[in-house]
C-alpha cells in the first residue's frame, strides 16, 4: 500500500491534481501466483490496502495495523494535491465489490463489454448498494471504459454497444448518460482492423 499510494501521489503532483485511482482486485489465480500473493481472502486484502492508502494520503503521522498489512508509526510524504485524497474508483461485478465501493471508494469504474442490458444490471447493483448505505448517488462517480469501433456504414441489425457509425456511437453515449454515467473512457485497441 505504501508504494502504490506514493506512486499515485507522484502522478497527482505531476498532473496538478488530476489523477484518478482506478483499482480492481483481479480474477486470475495465475496473476496472484506470479506475484506470490495468496488468491484466498483477496477481498479482505483489498479492503486493507484501500484503508492504508487513505491513511497514507491523509494522515501526517501514519499508523496502520491490519491482518495483512502493517505500517509502524511513520511520516510518509509527499501528500497528494487533491484533498483529502485522489478519487478512488473500483472495478468489478460482484455484490461484495459494490459493498467495497460504497465503504472505501468514491465510485465505480466499469467496462462496457456486452449488451446495454448487462451493463444496466451492473449499474443497478451499484445504485442498490448505495441505497442500502447512508450515502447518496451524488457522492459517487460512475465511469465506464469502452472500446469503440467506428464503421463507415450502419450495422444496426446486430450491433454491439459503441460499435457502428459516428451517429450510432453518439446515440450510445447518450444512452450511457441516461444510465447516470459521469465519465466515459474511450480506449483504443491497436491490434484490431477497422472498416
N, C-alpha and C. Protein backbone atom coordinates (compact mmCIF):
# COMPACT_ATOMS: atom_id res chain seq x y z
N UNK A 1 0.80 -1.22 0.00
CA UNK A 1 0.00 0.00 0.00
C UNK A 1 0.84 1.28 0.00
N UNK A 2 2.00 1.25 0.66
CA UNK A 2 2.85 2.45 0.72
C UNK A 2 3.36 2.80 -0.68
N UNK A 3 3.91 1.81 -1.37
CA UNK A 3 4.44 2.06 -2.71
C UNK A 3 3.34 2.52 -3.66
N UNK A 4 2.20 1.85 -3.63
CA UNK A 4 1.10 2.21 -4.51
C UNK A 4 0.59 3.62 -4.22
N UNK A 5 0.41 3.94 -2.95
CA UNK A 5 -0.06 5.28 -2.58
C UNK A 5 0.93 6.35 -3.02
N UNK A 6 2.23 6.08 -2.85
CA UNK A 6 3.25 7.07 -3.25
C UNK A 6 3.29 7.22 -4.78
N UNK A 7 3.06 6.13 -5.52
CA UNK A 7 3.03 6.23 -6.99
C UNK A 7 1.88 7.11 -7.44
N UNK A 8 0.69 6.90 -6.86
CA UNK A 8 -0.45 7.75 -7.21
C UNK A 8 -0.23 9.19 -6.77
N UNK A 9 0.42 9.39 -5.63
CA UNK A 9 0.74 10.74 -5.17
C UNK A 9 1.64 11.44 -6.17
N UNK A 10 2.67 10.74 -6.64
CA UNK A 10 3.59 11.32 -7.62
C UNK A 10 2.85 11.75 -8.88
N UNK A 11 1.97 10.88 -9.39
CA UNK A 11 1.20 11.22 -10.60
C UNK A 11 0.27 12.40 -10.31
N UNK A 12 -0.32 12.42 -9.11
CA UNK A 12 -1.22 13.52 -8.76
C UNK A 12 -0.47 14.84 -8.74
N UNK A 13 0.74 14.84 -8.18
CA UNK A 13 1.55 16.07 -8.14
C UNK A 13 1.95 16.48 -9.55
N UNK A 14 2.43 15.54 -10.35
CA UNK A 14 2.87 15.87 -11.72
C UNK A 14 1.72 16.34 -12.61
N UNK A 15 0.51 15.84 -12.35
CA UNK A 15 -0.64 16.22 -13.17
C UNK A 15 -1.38 17.44 -12.62
N UNK A 16 -0.90 17.99 -11.53
CA UNK A 16 -1.57 19.15 -10.96
C UNK A 16 -2.89 18.79 -10.29
N UNK A 17 -2.99 17.59 -9.74
CA UNK A 17 -4.20 17.19 -9.01
C UNK A 17 -5.28 16.58 -9.87
N UNK A 18 -4.88 15.84 -10.90
CA UNK A 18 -5.88 15.28 -11.81
C UNK A 18 -5.92 13.75 -11.83
N UNK A 19 -5.12 13.09 -11.00
CA UNK A 19 -5.09 11.63 -11.06
C UNK A 19 -6.38 11.03 -10.49
N UNK A 20 -6.81 9.93 -11.08
CA UNK A 20 -7.92 9.13 -10.57
C UNK A 20 -7.35 7.74 -10.33
N UNK A 21 -7.57 7.22 -9.15
CA UNK A 21 -7.04 5.92 -8.76
C UNK A 21 -8.08 4.85 -9.09
N UNK A 22 -7.88 4.12 -10.18
CA UNK A 22 -8.78 3.06 -10.59
C UNK A 22 -8.18 1.71 -10.25
N UNK A 23 -8.88 0.92 -9.46
CA UNK A 23 -8.36 -0.36 -9.00
C UNK A 23 -9.40 -1.47 -9.10
N UNK A 24 -8.91 -2.69 -9.20
CA UNK A 24 -9.74 -3.88 -9.13
C UNK A 24 -8.93 -4.99 -8.49
N UNK A 25 -9.60 -5.96 -7.88
CA UNK A 25 -8.84 -6.99 -7.18
C UNK A 25 -8.39 -8.12 -8.10
N UNK A 26 -8.91 -8.17 -9.31
CA UNK A 26 -8.48 -9.20 -10.25
C UNK A 26 -9.24 -10.50 -10.07
N UNK A 27 -9.14 -11.34 -11.07
CA UNK A 27 -9.85 -12.61 -11.06
C UNK A 27 -8.94 -13.79 -11.39
N UNK A 28 -7.75 -13.51 -11.89
CA UNK A 28 -6.87 -14.57 -12.38
C UNK A 28 -6.00 -15.13 -11.26
N UNK A 29 -6.20 -16.40 -10.95
CA UNK A 29 -5.36 -17.05 -9.94
C UNK A 29 -3.90 -17.06 -10.38
N UNK A 30 -3.66 -17.17 -11.69
CA UNK A 30 -2.29 -17.17 -12.21
C UNK A 30 -1.56 -15.87 -11.88
N UNK A 31 -2.25 -14.74 -11.97
CA UNK A 31 -1.61 -13.46 -11.65
C UNK A 31 -1.23 -13.39 -10.17
N UNK A 32 -2.08 -13.91 -9.31
CA UNK A 32 -1.75 -13.94 -7.88
C UNK A 32 -0.56 -14.86 -7.64
N UNK A 33 -0.56 -16.00 -8.29
CA UNK A 33 0.55 -16.94 -8.15
C UNK A 33 1.86 -16.31 -8.62
N UNK A 34 1.82 -15.60 -9.75
CA UNK A 34 3.02 -14.95 -10.28
C UNK A 34 3.55 -13.87 -9.34
N UNK A 35 2.65 -13.22 -8.60
CA UNK A 35 3.04 -12.17 -7.67
C UNK A 35 3.34 -12.73 -6.27
N UNK A 36 3.19 -14.05 -6.11
CA UNK A 36 3.43 -14.73 -4.84
C UNK A 36 2.53 -14.18 -3.72
N UNK A 37 1.26 -13.96 -4.09
CA UNK A 37 0.26 -13.48 -3.13
C UNK A 37 -0.89 -14.49 -3.14
N UNK A 38 -1.35 -14.93 -1.97
CA UNK A 38 -2.45 -15.90 -1.94
C UNK A 38 -3.71 -15.34 -2.60
N UNK A 39 -4.38 -16.19 -3.37
CA UNK A 39 -5.63 -15.81 -4.04
C UNK A 39 -6.77 -15.69 -3.02
N UNK A 40 -6.73 -16.52 -1.99
CA UNK A 40 -7.76 -16.50 -0.97
C UNK A 40 -7.71 -15.18 -0.20
N UNK A 41 -8.86 -14.76 0.24
CA UNK A 41 -9.02 -13.53 1.05
C UNK A 41 -8.55 -12.28 0.31
N UNK A 42 -8.63 -12.30 -1.01
CA UNK A 42 -8.19 -11.14 -1.78
C UNK A 42 -9.08 -9.92 -1.53
N UNK A 43 -10.35 -10.15 -1.25
CA UNK A 43 -11.24 -9.04 -0.93
C UNK A 43 -10.86 -8.36 0.37
N UNK A 44 -10.57 -9.16 1.40
CA UNK A 44 -10.14 -8.60 2.69
C UNK A 44 -8.81 -7.86 2.54
N UNK A 45 -7.93 -8.43 1.73
CA UNK A 45 -6.63 -7.79 1.47
C UNK A 45 -6.85 -6.44 0.77
N UNK A 46 -7.77 -6.41 -0.20
CA UNK A 46 -8.07 -5.16 -0.92
C UNK A 46 -8.63 -4.11 0.03
N UNK A 47 -9.50 -4.53 0.94
CA UNK A 47 -10.06 -3.58 1.91
C UNK A 47 -8.95 -2.91 2.72
N UNK A 48 -7.98 -3.72 3.15
CA UNK A 48 -6.88 -3.17 3.94
C UNK A 48 -6.00 -2.22 3.11
N UNK A 49 -5.77 -2.59 1.86
CA UNK A 49 -4.96 -1.71 1.00
C UNK A 49 -5.63 -0.34 0.88
N UNK A 50 -6.94 -0.34 0.64
CA UNK A 50 -7.67 0.92 0.50
C UNK A 50 -7.62 1.74 1.78
N UNK A 51 -7.81 1.08 2.92
CA UNK A 51 -7.76 1.79 4.20
C UNK A 51 -6.37 2.38 4.44
N UNK A 52 -5.34 1.58 4.18
CA UNK A 52 -3.96 2.04 4.41
C UNK A 52 -3.60 3.19 3.47
N UNK A 53 -4.00 3.09 2.20
CA UNK A 53 -3.69 4.16 1.25
C UNK A 53 -4.32 5.49 1.69
N UNK A 54 -5.55 5.44 2.14
CA UNK A 54 -6.20 6.67 2.61
C UNK A 54 -5.44 7.28 3.77
N UNK A 55 -5.00 6.43 4.71
CA UNK A 55 -4.22 6.95 5.85
C UNK A 55 -2.93 7.60 5.36
N UNK A 56 -2.26 6.96 4.41
CA UNK A 56 -1.01 7.50 3.87
C UNK A 56 -1.25 8.86 3.22
N UNK A 57 -2.35 8.99 2.50
CA UNK A 57 -2.66 10.24 1.82
C UNK A 57 -3.12 11.35 2.77
N UNK A 58 -3.81 10.98 3.85
CA UNK A 58 -4.47 11.97 4.70
C UNK A 58 -3.68 12.30 5.96
N UNK A 59 -3.19 11.28 6.66
CA UNK A 59 -2.61 11.48 7.99
C UNK A 59 -1.17 11.99 7.92
N UNK A 60 -0.86 12.94 8.80
CA UNK A 60 0.53 13.42 8.90
C UNK A 60 1.41 12.35 9.52
N UNK A 61 0.88 11.67 10.53
CA UNK A 61 1.58 10.57 11.16
C UNK A 61 0.77 9.31 10.86
N UNK A 62 1.32 8.42 10.04
CA UNK A 62 0.59 7.26 9.55
C UNK A 62 0.90 6.04 10.42
N UNK A 63 -0.17 5.35 10.79
CA UNK A 63 -0.02 4.09 11.52
C UNK A 63 -1.19 3.20 11.09
N UNK A 64 -0.88 1.95 10.75
CA UNK A 64 -1.92 1.03 10.31
C UNK A 64 -1.56 -0.38 10.75
N UNK A 65 -2.53 -1.08 11.30
CA UNK A 65 -2.31 -2.46 11.73
C UNK A 65 -3.49 -3.31 11.31
N UNK A 66 -3.31 -4.07 10.21
CA UNK A 66 -4.34 -4.96 9.74
C UNK A 66 -3.86 -6.41 9.82
N UNK A 67 -4.66 -7.29 9.29
CA UNK A 67 -4.29 -8.71 9.26
C UNK A 67 -3.22 -9.00 8.22
N UNK A 68 -3.18 -8.18 7.15
CA UNK A 68 -2.27 -8.43 6.04
C UNK A 68 -1.17 -7.39 5.91
N UNK A 69 -1.47 -6.15 6.30
CA UNK A 69 -0.51 -5.06 6.13
C UNK A 69 -0.36 -4.30 7.44
N UNK A 70 0.87 -3.93 7.72
CA UNK A 70 1.17 -3.15 8.93
C UNK A 70 2.10 -2.00 8.56
N UNK A 71 1.79 -0.83 9.08
CA UNK A 71 2.65 0.34 8.89
C UNK A 71 2.94 0.87 10.28
N UNK A 72 4.18 0.77 10.73
CA UNK A 72 4.50 1.36 12.03
C UNK A 72 4.38 2.88 11.94
N UNK A 73 4.23 3.53 13.06
CA UNK A 73 4.06 4.99 13.07
C UNK A 73 5.16 5.62 12.22
N UNK A 74 4.73 6.29 11.16
CA UNK A 74 5.67 6.83 10.17
C UNK A 74 5.18 8.16 9.63
N UNK A 75 6.11 8.94 9.14
CA UNK A 75 5.77 10.14 8.37
C UNK A 75 6.04 9.78 6.92
N UNK A 76 4.98 9.79 6.12
CA UNK A 76 5.09 9.40 4.72
C UNK A 76 4.69 10.60 3.86
N UNK A 77 5.64 11.14 3.17
CA UNK A 77 5.43 12.30 2.31
C UNK A 77 5.97 12.00 0.92
N UNK A 78 5.61 12.81 -0.07
CA UNK A 78 4.70 13.96 -0.03
C UNK A 78 3.25 13.50 0.00
N UNK A 79 2.35 14.46 0.18
CA UNK A 79 0.91 14.21 0.16
C UNK A 79 0.37 14.62 -1.21
N UNK A 80 -0.73 14.01 -1.65
CA UNK A 80 -1.29 14.37 -2.95
C UNK A 80 -1.83 15.80 -2.96
N UNK A 81 -1.96 16.35 -4.16
CA UNK A 81 -2.52 17.69 -4.34
C UNK A 81 -4.00 17.67 -3.96
N UNK A 82 -4.73 16.64 -4.41
CA UNK A 82 -6.16 16.53 -4.13
C UNK A 82 -6.38 16.21 -2.66
N UNK A 83 -7.32 16.91 -2.05
CA UNK A 83 -7.63 16.70 -0.65
C UNK A 83 -9.07 16.27 -0.50
N UNK A 84 -9.40 15.31 0.32
CA UNK A 84 -8.47 14.66 1.22
C UNK A 84 -7.54 13.65 0.53
N UNK A 85 -7.95 13.18 -0.65
CA UNK A 85 -7.11 12.22 -1.39
C UNK A 85 -7.63 12.14 -2.82
N UNK A 86 -6.85 11.54 -3.73
CA UNK A 86 -7.35 11.34 -5.10
C UNK A 86 -8.61 10.47 -5.10
N UNK A 87 -9.43 10.69 -6.10
CA UNK A 87 -10.64 9.91 -6.25
C UNK A 87 -10.27 8.45 -6.47
N UNK A 88 -10.95 7.55 -5.74
CA UNK A 88 -10.73 6.10 -5.87
C UNK A 88 -11.95 5.50 -6.54
N UNK A 89 -11.72 4.84 -7.67
CA UNK A 89 -12.78 4.12 -8.37
C UNK A 89 -12.42 2.64 -8.38
N UNK A 90 -13.40 1.79 -8.10
CA UNK A 90 -13.17 0.35 -8.08
C UNK A 90 -13.94 -0.32 -9.20
N UNK A 91 -13.32 -1.33 -9.79
CA UNK A 91 -13.96 -2.12 -10.82
C UNK A 91 -14.38 -3.46 -10.26
N UNK A 92 -15.31 -4.09 -10.95
CA UNK A 92 -15.78 -5.42 -10.55
C UNK A 92 -17.27 -5.55 -10.78
N UNK A 93 -17.77 -6.77 -10.52
CA UNK A 93 -19.18 -7.05 -10.83
C UNK A 93 -19.91 -7.78 -9.71
N UNK A 94 -19.23 -8.17 -8.64
CA UNK A 94 -19.89 -8.96 -7.61
C UNK A 94 -20.52 -8.05 -6.56
N UNK A 95 -21.54 -8.56 -5.85
CA UNK A 95 -22.15 -7.76 -4.78
C UNK A 95 -21.13 -7.29 -3.74
N UNK A 96 -20.16 -8.14 -3.39
CA UNK A 96 -19.14 -7.74 -2.42
C UNK A 96 -18.29 -6.59 -2.94
N UNK A 97 -18.04 -6.58 -4.25
CA UNK A 97 -17.27 -5.48 -4.84
C UNK A 97 -18.03 -4.17 -4.69
N UNK A 98 -19.34 -4.20 -4.94
CA UNK A 98 -20.13 -2.98 -4.82
C UNK A 98 -20.19 -2.52 -3.36
N UNK A 99 -20.25 -3.45 -2.41
CA UNK A 99 -20.20 -3.08 -1.00
C UNK A 99 -18.86 -2.40 -0.68
N UNK A 100 -17.77 -2.95 -1.23
CA UNK A 100 -16.43 -2.36 -1.02
C UNK A 100 -16.39 -0.95 -1.59
N UNK A 101 -16.98 -0.75 -2.76
CA UNK A 101 -17.00 0.59 -3.38
C UNK A 101 -17.67 1.60 -2.46
N UNK A 102 -18.81 1.21 -1.92
CA UNK A 102 -19.57 2.13 -1.09
C UNK A 102 -18.82 2.45 0.20
N UNK A 103 -18.14 1.46 0.75
CA UNK A 103 -17.45 1.63 2.03
C UNK A 103 -16.12 2.36 1.90
N UNK A 104 -15.35 2.06 0.84
CA UNK A 104 -13.97 2.55 0.78
C UNK A 104 -13.64 3.44 -0.42
N UNK A 105 -14.52 3.54 -1.40
CA UNK A 105 -14.16 4.23 -2.64
C UNK A 105 -15.10 5.40 -2.91
N UNK A 106 -14.81 6.06 -4.03
CA UNK A 106 -15.58 7.22 -4.45
C UNK A 106 -16.41 6.94 -5.70
N UNK A 107 -16.38 5.69 -6.16
CA UNK A 107 -17.18 5.37 -7.33
C UNK A 107 -16.79 4.06 -7.97
N UNK A 108 -17.42 3.85 -9.12
CA UNK A 108 -17.34 2.61 -9.87
C UNK A 108 -16.70 2.87 -11.23
N UNK A 109 -15.72 2.05 -11.59
CA UNK A 109 -15.20 2.07 -12.96
C UNK A 109 -15.53 0.72 -13.57
N UNK A 110 -16.43 0.74 -14.52
CA UNK A 110 -16.87 -0.49 -15.16
C UNK A 110 -16.45 -0.51 -16.61
N UNK A 111 -16.65 -1.65 -17.22
CA UNK A 111 -16.35 -1.80 -18.65
C UNK A 111 -17.64 -2.12 -19.38
N UNK A 112 -17.81 -1.48 -20.51
CA UNK A 112 -18.97 -1.77 -21.34
C UNK A 112 -18.57 -2.93 -22.25
N UNK A 113 -18.81 -4.13 -21.76
CA UNK A 113 -18.49 -5.34 -22.51
C UNK A 113 -19.76 -6.17 -22.56
N UNK A 114 -20.40 -6.20 -23.69
CA UNK A 114 -21.67 -6.90 -23.79
C UNK A 114 -22.80 -5.93 -24.06
N UNK A 115 -23.99 -6.39 -23.77
CA UNK A 115 -25.19 -5.61 -24.09
C UNK A 115 -25.42 -4.49 -23.08
N UNK A 116 -26.27 -3.54 -23.48
CA UNK A 116 -26.66 -2.48 -22.56
C UNK A 116 -27.45 -3.07 -21.38
N UNK A 117 -28.19 -4.15 -21.63
CA UNK A 117 -28.95 -4.79 -20.55
C UNK A 117 -28.00 -5.32 -19.47
N UNK A 118 -26.93 -5.96 -19.89
CA UNK A 118 -25.93 -6.47 -18.94
C UNK A 118 -25.29 -5.32 -18.17
N UNK A 119 -24.93 -4.26 -18.90
CA UNK A 119 -24.33 -3.09 -18.27
C UNK A 119 -25.31 -2.45 -17.29
N UNK A 120 -26.57 -2.33 -17.69
CA UNK A 120 -27.58 -1.71 -16.84
C UNK A 120 -27.75 -2.50 -15.54
N UNK A 121 -27.59 -3.83 -15.60
CA UNK A 121 -27.68 -4.65 -14.38
C UNK A 121 -26.55 -4.30 -13.41
N UNK A 122 -25.35 -4.06 -13.94
CA UNK A 122 -24.23 -3.65 -13.08
C UNK A 122 -24.51 -2.29 -12.44
N UNK A 123 -25.03 -1.36 -13.23
CA UNK A 123 -25.37 -0.03 -12.69
C UNK A 123 -26.45 -0.16 -11.62
N UNK A 124 -27.40 -1.06 -11.85
CA UNK A 124 -28.46 -1.28 -10.86
C UNK A 124 -27.88 -1.82 -9.56
N UNK A 125 -26.95 -2.78 -9.63
CA UNK A 125 -26.30 -3.30 -8.42
C UNK A 125 -25.55 -2.18 -7.69
N UNK A 126 -24.87 -1.33 -8.46
CA UNK A 126 -24.14 -0.19 -7.88
C UNK A 126 -25.12 0.74 -7.16
N UNK A 127 -26.21 1.11 -7.84
CA UNK A 127 -27.19 2.02 -7.25
C UNK A 127 -27.89 1.39 -6.04
N UNK A 128 -28.20 0.08 -6.11
CA UNK A 128 -28.83 -0.61 -4.98
C UNK A 128 -27.92 -0.61 -3.77
N UNK A 129 -26.62 -0.81 -3.99
CA UNK A 129 -25.66 -0.79 -2.88
C UNK A 129 -25.61 0.58 -2.23
N UNK A 130 -25.68 1.63 -3.03
CA UNK A 130 -25.70 2.99 -2.48
C UNK A 130 -26.96 3.21 -1.65
N UNK A 131 -28.11 2.76 -2.17
CA UNK A 131 -29.38 2.94 -1.45
C UNK A 131 -29.38 2.24 -0.10
N UNK A 132 -28.66 1.11 0.01
CA UNK A 132 -28.60 0.37 1.28
C UNK A 132 -27.70 1.06 2.30
N UNK A 133 -26.89 2.01 1.83
CA UNK A 133 -25.97 2.72 2.73
C UNK A 133 -26.60 4.04 3.17
N UNK A 134 -25.85 4.79 3.94
CA UNK A 134 -26.34 6.11 4.39
C UNK A 134 -25.89 7.20 3.42
N UNK A 135 -25.31 6.80 2.29
CA UNK A 135 -24.80 7.78 1.33
C UNK A 135 -25.79 7.96 0.19
N UNK A 136 -25.50 8.94 -0.69
CA UNK A 136 -26.38 9.19 -1.82
C UNK A 136 -25.62 9.05 -3.13
N UNK A 137 -26.33 8.85 -4.21
CA UNK A 137 -25.71 8.63 -5.53
C UNK A 137 -24.80 9.79 -5.92
N UNK A 138 -25.14 11.00 -5.51
CA UNK A 138 -24.32 12.17 -5.88
C UNK A 138 -22.93 12.12 -5.23
N UNK A 139 -22.76 11.25 -4.23
CA UNK A 139 -21.47 11.11 -3.57
C UNK A 139 -20.50 10.21 -4.35
N UNK A 140 -20.99 9.61 -5.44
CA UNK A 140 -20.20 8.62 -6.16
C UNK A 140 -20.08 8.95 -7.65
N UNK A 141 -18.97 8.55 -8.21
CA UNK A 141 -18.67 8.73 -9.62
C UNK A 141 -18.93 7.40 -10.34
N UNK A 142 -19.47 7.48 -11.53
CA UNK A 142 -19.68 6.30 -12.36
C UNK A 142 -18.93 6.51 -13.68
N UNK A 143 -17.87 5.75 -13.85
CA UNK A 143 -17.00 5.85 -15.03
C UNK A 143 -17.06 4.54 -15.80
N UNK A 144 -17.08 4.63 -17.10
CA UNK A 144 -17.14 3.45 -17.94
C UNK A 144 -15.99 3.47 -18.95
N UNK A 145 -15.34 2.32 -19.07
CA UNK A 145 -14.30 2.11 -20.08
C UNK A 145 -14.92 1.34 -21.23
N UNK A 146 -14.69 1.81 -22.45
CA UNK A 146 -15.24 1.12 -23.61
C UNK A 146 -14.27 1.24 -24.78
N UNK A 147 -14.35 0.27 -25.66
CA UNK A 147 -13.53 0.23 -26.88
C UNK A 147 -14.45 0.47 -28.07
N UNK A 148 -14.60 1.70 -28.52
CA UNK A 148 -15.50 1.95 -29.65
C UNK A 148 -14.91 1.44 -30.97
N UNK A 149 -15.78 0.97 -31.83
CA UNK A 149 -15.39 0.54 -33.18
C UNK A 149 -16.22 1.34 -34.17
N UNK A 150 -15.54 2.18 -34.92
CA UNK A 150 -16.20 3.07 -35.87
C UNK A 150 -16.25 2.42 -37.24
N UNK A 151 -17.46 2.35 -37.81
CA UNK A 151 -17.67 1.80 -39.15
C UNK A 151 -18.23 2.90 -40.06
N UNK A 152 -17.98 2.77 -41.34
CA UNK A 152 -18.43 3.78 -42.29
C UNK A 152 -19.91 3.62 -42.64
N UNK A 153 -20.45 2.40 -42.48
CA UNK A 153 -21.86 2.21 -42.76
C UNK A 153 -22.54 1.55 -41.57
N UNK A 154 -23.86 1.73 -41.50
CA UNK A 154 -24.62 1.24 -40.36
C UNK A 154 -24.59 -0.28 -40.27
N UNK A 155 -24.54 -0.76 -39.05
CA UNK A 155 -24.61 -2.20 -38.79
C UNK A 155 -25.72 -2.46 -37.79
N UNK A 156 -26.80 -1.71 -37.90
CA UNK A 156 -27.89 -1.66 -36.91
C UNK A 156 -28.49 -3.02 -36.59
N UNK A 157 -28.52 -3.96 -37.54
CA UNK A 157 -29.21 -5.22 -37.31
C UNK A 157 -28.67 -5.99 -36.11
N UNK A 158 -27.38 -6.16 -36.03
CA UNK A 158 -26.78 -6.93 -34.93
C UNK A 158 -25.63 -6.14 -34.34
N UNK A 159 -25.94 -4.94 -33.89
CA UNK A 159 -24.91 -4.01 -33.44
C UNK A 159 -24.66 -4.11 -31.95
N UNK A 160 -23.39 -4.17 -31.57
CA UNK A 160 -22.99 -4.12 -30.16
C UNK A 160 -22.87 -2.66 -29.75
N UNK A 161 -23.03 -2.39 -28.43
CA UNK A 161 -22.85 -1.00 -27.97
C UNK A 161 -21.48 -0.46 -28.35
N UNK A 162 -21.46 0.80 -28.75
CA UNK A 162 -20.24 1.54 -29.10
C UNK A 162 -19.56 0.99 -30.36
N UNK A 163 -20.33 0.30 -31.18
CA UNK A 163 -19.83 -0.19 -32.48
C UNK A 163 -20.81 0.29 -33.54
N UNK A 164 -20.30 1.00 -34.54
CA UNK A 164 -21.18 1.48 -35.60
C UNK A 164 -20.69 2.78 -36.17
N UNK A 165 -21.61 3.51 -36.78
CA UNK A 165 -21.27 4.81 -37.36
C UNK A 165 -21.09 5.83 -36.23
N UNK A 166 -20.59 6.99 -36.59
CA UNK A 166 -20.40 8.04 -35.59
C UNK A 166 -21.72 8.42 -34.95
N UNK A 167 -22.81 8.42 -35.73
CA UNK A 167 -24.13 8.74 -35.17
C UNK A 167 -24.62 7.66 -34.22
N UNK A 168 -24.36 6.39 -34.56
CA UNK A 168 -24.77 5.29 -33.68
C UNK A 168 -23.98 5.33 -32.36
N UNK A 169 -22.70 5.60 -32.45
CA UNK A 169 -21.88 5.69 -31.24
C UNK A 169 -22.31 6.90 -30.41
N UNK A 170 -22.66 8.00 -31.08
CA UNK A 170 -23.17 9.17 -30.37
C UNK A 170 -24.47 8.84 -29.63
N UNK A 171 -25.34 8.06 -30.26
CA UNK A 171 -26.58 7.62 -29.62
C UNK A 171 -26.28 6.74 -28.40
N UNK A 172 -25.27 5.87 -28.53
CA UNK A 172 -24.87 5.01 -27.41
C UNK A 172 -24.35 5.85 -26.24
N UNK A 173 -23.58 6.90 -26.54
CA UNK A 173 -23.08 7.78 -25.48
C UNK A 173 -24.25 8.46 -24.76
N UNK A 174 -25.27 8.86 -25.50
CA UNK A 174 -26.46 9.46 -24.89
C UNK A 174 -27.16 8.45 -23.97
N UNK A 175 -27.20 7.19 -24.41
CA UNK A 175 -27.82 6.15 -23.59
C UNK A 175 -27.03 5.96 -22.30
N UNK A 176 -25.69 5.97 -22.39
CA UNK A 176 -24.86 5.84 -21.18
C UNK A 176 -25.13 6.99 -20.22
N UNK A 177 -25.29 8.18 -20.77
CA UNK A 177 -25.60 9.34 -19.93
C UNK A 177 -26.93 9.15 -19.22
N UNK A 178 -27.90 8.57 -19.92
CA UNK A 178 -29.22 8.34 -19.31
C UNK A 178 -29.14 7.30 -18.18
N UNK A 179 -28.14 6.43 -18.21
CA UNK A 179 -27.92 5.45 -17.14
C UNK A 179 -27.23 6.09 -15.93
N UNK A 180 -26.81 7.34 -16.06
CA UNK A 180 -26.15 8.02 -14.95
C UNK A 180 -24.64 8.00 -15.02
N UNK A 181 -24.07 7.64 -16.17
CA UNK A 181 -22.61 7.59 -16.32
C UNK A 181 -22.06 9.02 -16.29
N UNK A 182 -21.04 9.23 -15.47
CA UNK A 182 -20.42 10.55 -15.33
C UNK A 182 -19.27 10.76 -16.30
N UNK A 183 -18.56 9.67 -16.64
CA UNK A 183 -17.36 9.79 -17.48
C UNK A 183 -17.24 8.52 -18.32
N UNK A 184 -16.87 8.70 -19.58
CA UNK A 184 -16.61 7.57 -20.47
C UNK A 184 -15.16 7.65 -20.92
N UNK A 185 -14.44 6.57 -20.73
CA UNK A 185 -13.06 6.47 -21.21
C UNK A 185 -13.10 5.70 -22.52
N UNK A 186 -12.72 6.36 -23.60
CA UNK A 186 -12.70 5.71 -24.91
C UNK A 186 -11.30 5.15 -25.14
N UNK A 187 -11.18 3.85 -25.08
CA UNK A 187 -9.90 3.18 -25.25
C UNK A 187 -9.74 2.74 -26.70
N UNK A 188 -8.52 2.48 -27.09
CA UNK A 188 -8.24 2.07 -28.46
C UNK A 188 -7.55 0.72 -28.44
N UNK A 189 -8.04 -0.19 -29.23
CA UNK A 189 -7.41 -1.48 -29.39
C UNK A 189 -6.60 -1.42 -30.68
N UNK A 190 -5.31 -1.24 -30.57
CA UNK A 190 -4.44 -1.02 -31.73
C UNK A 190 -4.29 -2.27 -32.60
N UNK A 191 -4.66 -3.44 -32.09
CA UNK A 191 -4.48 -4.66 -32.85
C UNK A 191 -5.65 -4.98 -33.77
N UNK A 192 -6.74 -4.27 -33.63
CA UNK A 192 -7.92 -4.55 -34.44
C UNK A 192 -7.82 -3.89 -35.80
N UNK A 193 -8.44 -4.52 -36.79
CA UNK A 193 -8.56 -3.93 -38.12
C UNK A 193 -9.90 -3.19 -38.18
N UNK A 194 -9.88 -2.00 -38.78
CA UNK A 194 -11.09 -1.20 -38.84
C UNK A 194 -11.61 -1.16 -40.26
N UNK A 195 -12.92 -1.03 -40.35
CA UNK A 195 -13.64 -0.97 -41.63
C UNK A 195 -13.34 0.35 -42.32
